[in-house]
Structures are given as structure tokens and as C-alpha cells.
Amino acid sequence: MILILSQSSMEPTTEEVMDCLEALGEPCVRLNGEDLDGDAALRFRVEAGTADLAFEVDGVELPLAEAGAVWFRRWLHERRAEISPSLLTAQDNPKLDYELRRHLTLESRKLSDFIFSRLAGLPWLSHPHRASLNKLDTLNRAAQAGFATPATLVTTEREALRRFCETHGTVITKPAGEVEMFLDGERSHFLFTTTLDLAAVDALPARFAPSLFQEMVDKAYELRIFYLAGECHAMAIFSQADPQTQTDFRRYNRERPNRMVPYRLRPPTEDRIRRLMADLGLETGSLDLLQTRDGREVFLEINPVGQFGMVSKPCNYGLEKKVAQLLMRKAADGRRS
């Protein structure tokens, strides 16, 4: 049996992999991180004299002891309990509200750590300890693997940024960590990659929070690569054809979507990707590269638990079945060991 650890029930790609497992005759069970957030009636037992990990969700016991392999898709959302009824009384006290949310997050983390430790002896596809990379460390490792990388600056000083901008022209800024979405009532705010010219830099305060800046690469198109157990499945995204998506293709134009086509990577690029993923201890992940107008491939970043449906469907790669088959091989290896 395959155990799937996901973030929520609203993950279509995860469901498609589950459909493939069922069609191939491999049973699977799914535990969502949101179940730990109070969205489900959850009961968890640690009983004397037994080593079994027993979970009951909405009256249904999950036979975790039968798991032969684990697929870690995603897990808890860090901003948990944002709408928890138990916290409504604290909304007029911001400090108390923050402390209560922090406490609930830490409680869930401790439970999560125990779950992961009890499953440590099984084969995993992706792992929570490698689910969030340090973006700057990954850039450094990519350069060591032979990739071209953008000139990068992290600073708190406007003048340092101004000098960087004078050297490289227009620059971009993006989070040094995870890309977050912030909710404000009915409105949502997303941290897109944003361009800055000298005028925008001069409008900044003399000091600001530590921020990441990079040279703006003159790209011809973008590359999204889903890496799976040594194989690279690449797609070209022609985001430059639309002003709305030129800087960040995640500013999706639903009425006029970017053209996306299968892409054949150069053999040296595939070799660099394999070296980099081995160095990071990753068996799977989504990589972002740029193809420049002068013919270079520039590395940007890796998401170890990135979505792959957006690559699989337009390119007809059938990645959902490939992931299911890999999980089945891992479960078979786990049963033999």
C-alpha cells in the first residue's frame, strides 16, 4: 500500500496519481495536513505495548501500518488556524492572537515530526526534510554544477542596491524564501517577481528588510523541467509574447494563455541537472530555467514538491502514471527489504 501525505483535498494531480495506482492494482491511502488543522474529525492513538501508528479520520481508520512506501506531496500550511473559531475571542488583541496561532502551529509540527519519525523506515518519494530548499544555497550549488546563474544581491541598503542597479540595469526582486499568498478578507495578495529601475530604487527608504535582488535576464522563453528519478521532462513557456507574463508567468492570462510546448534539453544541461539533484539529495522536483536571447540556459530555482500537471498535460508526458509506477517500485523494494 502507498501512503500519500498531501496538504489538502483540493489537489487534482495527487488524485490523478491515486487513480493510476488504483488502475494498476496498488492500494493507496491519503492523509492530508489539513486533517491536523481541525478540518476533519481526527483521532490518533499511541497505545502501550504496540508500535502501530493508528489514525482515524472522520470515523475511518487509516491502515498506516500496511504502508510499503510514502509519497510526500506537501503537508501543513504554515499559516494554519487563520479562521479557527477558537481564536475569534483573541482578534481584538493582536499579540495574543499571534501567540495563540504560533502555539497551534508548533503543536501541529510536533505531531507531524512524530508521524514522520514513525514512517522513517519506509522508502519515500520526496521527504519533508528536503521539501523546502534554501534558494541562495541552491543557486550556489547550481553554479558549482556548471549552470549560468543571475547576478544576485541580498541587502538592506538602498545605496548598495542602487550600485547593483547601475551595474546591471533593471533588476528584479522576489522572496528569498517561499512565495506566499496573503489573505485580507475577500482579497488575496501574491508575491510576484517584480522589476525595479533606478527611479523605483530611489523611492525606497535608506534601509529596508533583507531583500533579494537579481539582474533581469533578457529571456527568449522560460523552461519548466520536472525531474523524476533521473529523467528530465521539459517544457518551454513562451511568456515573452504577453506583456502580462513577461516578468513572471504566474501572472496568468486566463483569456490568452501562454503557449507551452515539449522541449528537448541539451545533453550537457541534463547532466548538470542530474548532478545538482544528486548533490541536493532530491529524487524529484520542478526546476525553473531561462533560455536567453543569446543562447544561454540560466538556472533560477527548484521546488522539490512543485506541481507537475502543468508540464504533463500540455506535453503529453503522462507523468501521473510515471509517478505511480515509481511509487509501486518503491513499495515492492520496501516489502523485499
Protein backbone atom coordinates (compact mmCIF):
# COMPACT_ATOMS: atom_id res chain seq x y z
CA MET A 1 0.00 0.00 0.00
CA ILE A 2 1.14 3.56 -0.77
CA LEU A 3 0.69 6.24 1.87
CA ILE A 4 0.24 9.73 0.41
CA LEU A 5 0.90 12.76 2.60
CA SER A 6 -0.69 15.81 0.99
CA GLN A 7 -1.69 19.30 2.06
CA SER A 8 -5.38 19.36 1.29
CA SER A 9 -8.14 17.52 -0.51
CA MET A 10 -8.02 20.05 -3.36
CA GLU A 11 -5.00 18.62 -5.23
CA PRO A 12 -6.14 17.32 -8.65
CA THR A 13 -2.71 15.97 -9.66
CA THR A 14 -2.49 13.91 -6.46
CA GLU A 15 -5.92 12.47 -7.19
CA GLU A 16 -4.85 11.55 -10.72
CA VAL A 17 -1.83 9.65 -9.37
CA MET A 18 -4.18 7.84 -6.98
CA ASP A 19 -6.40 6.91 -9.93
CA CYS A 20 -3.35 5.49 -11.72
CA LEU A 21 -2.37 3.46 -8.65
CA GLU A 22 -5.88 2.04 -8.42
CA ALA A 23 -5.88 1.18 -12.14
CA LEU A 24 -2.52 -0.58 -11.70
CA GLY A 25 -3.82 -2.60 -8.76
CA GLU A 26 -1.88 -0.85 -5.98
CA PRO A 27 -3.95 0.27 -2.96
CA CYS A 28 -3.23 3.70 -1.51
CA VAL A 29 -4.39 5.83 1.40
CA ARG A 30 -4.15 9.59 1.79
CA LEU A 31 -3.61 11.73 4.88
CA ASN A 32 -3.97 15.49 4.44
CA GLY A 33 -2.17 18.06 6.53
CA GLU A 34 -5.43 19.97 6.81
CA ASP A 35 -6.79 16.99 8.80
CA LEU A 36 -4.47 18.11 11.60
CA ASP A 37 -5.90 21.63 11.40
CA GLY A 38 -9.31 20.60 12.69
CA ASP A 39 -10.97 20.33 9.28
CA ALA A 40 -11.62 16.64 9.93
CA ALA A 41 -12.65 14.62 12.98
CA LEU A 42 -9.23 13.19 13.80
CA ARG A 43 -8.30 10.61 16.43
CA PHE A 44 -4.69 9.48 16.90
CA ARG A 45 -3.75 6.63 19.26
CA VAL A 46 -0.42 5.75 20.84
CA GLU A 47 -1.13 2.65 22.88
CA ALA A 48 1.06 0.89 25.42
CA GLY A 49 2.65 -2.30 24.14
CA THR A 50 2.15 -1.54 20.46
CA ALA A 51 4.27 0.20 17.88
CA ASP A 52 1.38 0.78 15.49
CA LEU A 53 0.65 4.28 14.24
CA ALA A 54 -3.16 4.46 14.21
CA PHE A 55 -5.11 7.34 12.69
CA GLU A 56 -8.85 7.65 12.44
CA VAL A 57 -10.24 10.41 10.19
CA ASP A 58 -14.00 11.02 10.18
CA GLY A 59 -14.60 7.57 11.66
CA VAL A 60 -12.43 5.73 9.12
CA GLU A 61 -9.21 4.15 10.37
CA LEU A 62 -6.22 4.59 8.09
CA PRO A 63 -4.16 1.39 8.00
CA LEU A 64 -0.80 3.17 8.11
CA ALA A 65 0.93 0.04 9.40
CA GLU A 66 0.31 -1.54 5.97
CA ALA A 67 2.18 1.21 4.10
CA GLY A 68 5.06 0.00 1.94
CA ALA A 69 6.16 3.43 0.67
CA VAL A 70 5.39 7.10 1.32
CA TRP A 71 4.81 9.88 -1.20
CA PHE A 72 5.31 13.30 0.36
CA ARG A 73 3.42 15.81 -1.76
CA ARG A 74 3.00 18.68 0.69
CA TRP A 75 1.81 18.90 4.25
CA LEU A 76 0.81 21.55 6.78
CA HIS A 77 0.18 25.11 5.69
CA GLU A 78 2.33 27.37 7.86
CA ARG A 79 -0.45 29.94 8.33
CA ARG A 80 -2.75 27.42 9.99
CA ALA A 81 -5.81 28.30 12.08
CA GLU A 82 -6.39 31.61 10.26
CA ILE A 83 -10.15 31.20 10.54
CA SER A 84 -10.29 28.98 13.62
CA PRO A 85 -13.42 29.72 15.73
CA SER A 86 -11.35 29.10 18.86
CA LEU A 87 -9.32 32.23 18.08
CA LEU A 88 -12.18 34.66 17.46
CA THR A 89 -12.01 35.95 21.04
CA ALA A 90 -8.37 36.98 20.51
CA GLN A 91 -8.86 39.07 17.37
CA ASP A 92 -9.07 42.31 19.36
CA ASN A 93 -5.67 41.54 20.92
CA PRO A 94 -3.10 41.20 18.09
CA LYS A 95 -0.30 39.97 20.36
CA LEU A 96 -2.47 37.28 21.97
CA ASP A 97 -3.87 36.33 18.56
CA TYR A 98 -0.34 35.88 17.19
CA GLU A 99 0.82 33.85 20.20
CA LEU A 100 -2.18 31.51 20.01
CA ARG A 101 -1.65 30.87 16.30
CA ARG A 102 2.04 30.28 16.89
CA HIS A 103 1.22 27.78 19.65
CA LEU A 104 -1.18 25.83 17.41
CA THR A 105 1.40 25.75 14.61
CA LEU A 106 4.07 24.37 16.96
CA GLU A 107 1.65 21.74 18.28
CA SER A 108 0.96 20.52 14.73
CA ARG A 109 4.66 20.47 13.92
CA LYS A 110 5.37 18.22 16.90
CA LEU A 111 2.65 15.80 15.82
CA SER A 112 3.96 15.91 12.25
CA ASP A 113 7.51 15.18 13.40
CA PHE A 114 6.28 12.11 15.26
CA ILE A 115 4.37 10.84 12.23
CA PHE A 116 7.41 11.29 10.01
CA SER A 117 9.70 9.54 12.52
CA ARG A 118 7.38 6.53 12.75
CA LEU A 119 7.47 6.22 8.94
CA ALA A 120 11.24 6.74 8.69
CA GLY A 121 11.99 3.11 7.85
CA LEU A 122 9.89 3.14 4.67
CA PRO A 123 11.01 4.17 1.17
CA TRP A 124 9.96 7.79 0.44
CA LEU A 125 9.39 9.74 -2.75
CA SER A 126 10.25 13.29 -1.64
CA HIS A 127 10.76 13.91 2.07
CA PRO A 128 9.67 16.69 4.46
CA HIS A 129 13.28 17.35 5.47
CA ARG A 130 14.10 18.25 1.85
CA ALA A 131 10.79 19.86 0.86
CA SER A 132 11.99 23.46 1.28
CA LEU A 133 15.37 24.44 -0.14
CA ASN A 134 17.45 27.46 0.70
CA LYS A 135 17.24 29.48 -2.51
CA LEU A 136 20.68 31.07 -2.13
CA ASP A 137 22.38 27.77 -1.29
CA THR A 138 20.70 26.16 -4.32
CA LEU A 139 21.96 28.97 -6.58
CA ASN A 140 25.47 28.40 -5.28
CA ARG A 141 25.26 24.64 -5.84
CA ALA A 142 23.84 25.20 -9.35
CA ALA A 143 26.82 27.39 -10.23
CA GLN A 144 29.15 24.66 -8.94
CA ALA A 145 27.31 22.16 -11.17
CA GLY A 146 28.16 24.33 -14.19
CA PHE A 147 24.96 26.36 -14.64
CA ALA A 148 24.91 30.04 -15.52
CA THR A 149 23.07 31.90 -12.73
CA PRO A 150 21.84 35.52 -12.47
CA ALA A 151 23.96 38.07 -10.61
CA THR A 152 22.37 38.18 -7.15
CA LEU A 153 22.41 40.65 -4.27
CA VAL A 154 20.89 40.43 -0.79
CA THR A 155 20.96 43.74 1.03
CA THR A 156 19.19 46.06 3.47
CA GLU A 157 20.69 49.24 1.96
CA ARG A 158 19.26 51.40 -0.82
CA GLU A 159 22.71 52.64 -1.88
CA ALA A 160 24.05 49.09 -2.30
CA LEU A 161 21.00 48.27 -4.41
CA ARG A 162 21.49 51.45 -6.43
CA ARG A 163 25.09 50.49 -7.26
CA PHE A 164 23.87 47.00 -8.24
CA CYS A 165 21.21 48.57 -10.46
CA GLU A 166 23.75 50.91 -12.09
CA THR A 167 25.88 47.86 -12.97
CA HIS A 168 23.12 45.55 -14.20
CA GLY A 169 20.36 47.92 -15.35
CA THR A 170 16.80 46.99 -14.46
CA VAL A 171 16.74 44.35 -11.73
CA ILE A 172 14.08 42.06 -10.30
CA THR A 173 13.16 41.29 -6.71
CA LYS A 174 11.49 38.17 -5.33
CA PRO A 175 11.26 36.37 -1.98
CA ALA A 176 14.43 34.73 -0.69
CA GLY A 177 12.19 32.03 0.78
CA GLU A 178 8.80 30.67 -0.18
CA VAL A 179 6.35 32.53 -2.41
CA GLU A 180 3.43 33.37 -0.15
CA MET A 181 -0.16 34.46 -0.63
CA PHE A 182 -1.72 36.75 1.98
CA LEU A 183 -5.46 36.92 2.60
CA ASP A 184 -7.24 40.16 3.52
CA GLY A 185 -10.93 39.40 3.76
CA GLU A 186 -12.12 38.67 0.22
CA ARG A 187 -8.85 39.88 -1.32
CA SER A 188 -5.65 37.89 -1.80
CA HIS A 189 -2.15 39.30 -2.25
CA PHE A 190 0.53 37.26 -4.01
CA LEU A 191 4.30 37.88 -4.01
CA PHE A 192 5.11 38.03 -7.72
CA THR A 193 8.56 38.66 -9.15
CA THR A 194 8.75 42.45 -9.71
CA THR A 195 11.06 44.70 -11.73
CA LEU A 196 12.87 47.73 -10.28
CA ASP A 197 14.56 50.52 -12.23
CA LEU A 198 16.66 53.35 -10.77
CA ALA A 199 13.61 55.53 -10.19
CA ALA A 200 11.93 52.77 -8.17
CA VAL A 201 15.14 52.19 -6.20
CA ASP A 202 15.46 55.91 -5.37
CA ALA A 203 11.92 55.86 -3.98
CA LEU A 204 12.85 53.21 -1.40
CA PRO A 205 13.80 54.08 2.19
CA ALA A 206 17.52 54.16 3.03
CA ARG A 207 17.14 50.89 4.98
CA PHE A 208 14.67 48.05 4.49
CA ALA A 209 14.22 44.41 5.46
CA PRO A 210 16.80 41.98 4.00
CA SER A 211 15.72 41.51 0.37
CA LEU A 212 16.88 39.52 -2.63
CA PHE A 213 17.62 41.21 -5.98
CA GLN A 214 18.85 39.79 -9.28
CA GLU A 215 19.86 41.07 -12.65
CA MET A 216 16.97 40.95 -15.11
CA VAL A 217 17.92 38.28 -17.64
CA ASP A 218 16.98 39.00 -21.27
CA LYS A 219 15.00 35.81 -21.84
CA ALA A 220 13.65 34.37 -25.07
CA TYR A 221 11.40 31.89 -23.22
CA GLU A 222 11.16 30.03 -19.93
CA LEU A 223 11.84 26.37 -19.22
CA ARG A 224 9.99 24.30 -16.61
CA ILE A 225 11.55 20.87 -16.04
CA PHE A 226 10.02 18.14 -13.91
CA TYR A 227 12.77 15.82 -12.74
CA LEU A 228 11.80 12.29 -11.74
CA ALA A 229 14.32 9.61 -10.75
CA GLY A 230 16.99 10.67 -13.25
CA GLU A 231 14.67 11.66 -16.11
CA CYS A 232 14.09 15.26 -17.23
CA HIS A 233 10.69 16.22 -18.65
CA ALA A 234 11.00 19.73 -20.06
CA MET A 235 8.54 22.31 -21.34
CA ALA A 236 9.12 25.71 -22.97
CA ILE A 237 6.83 28.55 -21.88
CA PHE A 238 6.60 31.49 -24.32
CA SER A 239 5.82 34.04 -21.63
CA GLN A 240 7.54 36.89 -23.52
CA ALA A 241 4.73 37.03 -26.08
CA ASP A 242 2.39 38.58 -23.48
CA PRO A 243 3.26 41.78 -21.53
CA GLN A 244 1.26 40.47 -18.56
CA THR A 245 3.52 37.41 -18.14
CA GLN A 246 6.88 38.77 -19.31
CA THR A 247 8.35 39.25 -15.82
CA ASP A 248 6.51 36.41 -14.03
CA PHE A 249 4.46 33.88 -15.99
CA ARG A 250 2.45 33.18 -12.81
CA ARG A 251 0.54 36.39 -13.61
CA TYR A 252 -1.56 34.06 -15.72
CA ASN A 253 -3.57 35.44 -18.57
CA ARG A 254 -6.63 33.20 -18.46
CA GLU A 255 -8.09 34.68 -21.63
CA ARG A 256 -4.89 34.34 -23.68
CA PRO A 257 -2.72 31.61 -22.11
CA ASN A 258 0.99 31.33 -22.85
CA ARG A 259 1.97 28.80 -25.49
CA MET A 260 3.59 25.75 -23.83
CA VAL A 261 5.36 23.02 -25.82
CA PRO A 262 7.57 19.97 -25.17
CA TYR A 263 11.27 20.84 -25.12
CA ARG A 264 14.39 18.75 -25.66
CA LEU A 265 17.19 19.74 -23.31
CA ARG A 266 20.80 19.66 -24.42
CA PRO A 267 22.65 16.59 -23.03
CA PRO A 268 25.09 18.78 -21.01
CA THR A 269 22.12 20.51 -19.38
CA GLU A 270 20.55 17.19 -18.41
CA ASP A 271 23.89 16.09 -16.94
CA ARG A 272 24.10 19.29 -14.86
CA ILE A 273 20.55 18.76 -13.60
CA ARG A 274 21.33 15.19 -12.53
CA ARG A 275 24.49 16.32 -10.71
CA LEU A 276 22.65 19.14 -8.97
CA MET A 277 19.70 16.97 -7.89
CA ALA A 278 22.09 14.30 -6.58
CA ASP A 279 24.00 16.98 -4.67
CA LEU A 280 20.75 18.18 -3.09
CA GLY A 281 19.58 14.64 -2.33
CA LEU A 282 16.45 15.05 -4.45
CA GLU A 283 14.75 12.33 -6.46
CA THR A 284 12.09 14.65 -7.84
CA GLY A 285 11.39 18.36 -8.22
CA SER A 286 10.39 21.19 -10.56
CA LEU A 287 13.23 23.31 -11.96
CA ASP A 288 12.95 26.78 -13.49
CA LEU A 289 15.45 27.86 -16.14
CA LEU A 290 15.54 30.65 -18.73
CA GLN A 291 16.68 30.46 -22.33
CA THR A 292 18.32 33.80 -23.14
CA ARG A 293 18.23 35.57 -26.46
CA ASP A 294 21.96 34.97 -26.85
CA GLY A 295 21.55 31.19 -26.44
CA ARG A 296 22.40 30.59 -22.74
CA GLU A 297 20.40 28.47 -20.31
CA VAL A 298 20.24 30.27 -16.95
CA PHE A 299 19.25 28.45 -13.76
CA LEU A 300 16.73 30.12 -11.42
CA GLU A 301 15.43 27.74 -8.73
CA ILE A 302 14.00 24.36 -7.72
CA ASN A 303 10.76 23.46 -5.99
CA PRO A 304 11.19 19.92 -4.54
CA VAL A 305 7.40 19.47 -4.25
CA GLY A 306 6.39 21.51 -7.29
CA GLN A 307 3.30 20.72 -9.33
CA PHE A 308 3.86 18.64 -12.47
CA GLY A 309 0.38 18.55 -14.00
CA MET A 310 1.13 21.82 -15.83
CA VAL A 311 4.04 20.05 -17.58
CA SER A 312 2.41 16.66 -18.02
CA LYS A 313 -0.81 17.77 -19.71
CA PRO A 314 0.43 20.21 -22.41
CA CYS A 315 3.36 17.96 -23.31
CA ASN A 316 1.52 14.63 -23.06
CA TYR A 317 4.24 13.20 -20.80
CA GLY A 318 1.92 11.04 -18.69
CA LEU A 319 3.82 11.96 -15.52
CA GLU A 320 0.96 10.88 -13.26
CA LYS A 321 1.41 7.27 -14.38
CA LYS A 322 5.22 7.53 -14.15
CA VAL A 323 4.96 8.74 -10.54
CA ALA A 324 2.52 5.92 -9.71
CA GLN A 325 4.85 3.30 -11.23
CA LEU A 326 7.83 4.67 -9.30
CA LEU A 327 5.84 4.52 -6.06
CA MET A 328 4.92 0.91 -6.80
CA ARG A 329 8.59 0.01 -7.35
CA LYS A 330 9.47 1.66 -4.05
CA ALA A 331 6.72 -0.26 -2.23
CA ALA A 332 7.95 -3.54 -3.78
CA ASP A 333 11.52 -2.75 -2.68
CA GLY A 334 10.24 -1.94 0.82
CA ARG A 335 8.45 -5.28 1.06
CA ARG A 336 11.61 -7.15 0.00
CA SER A 337 13.86 -5.36 2.50
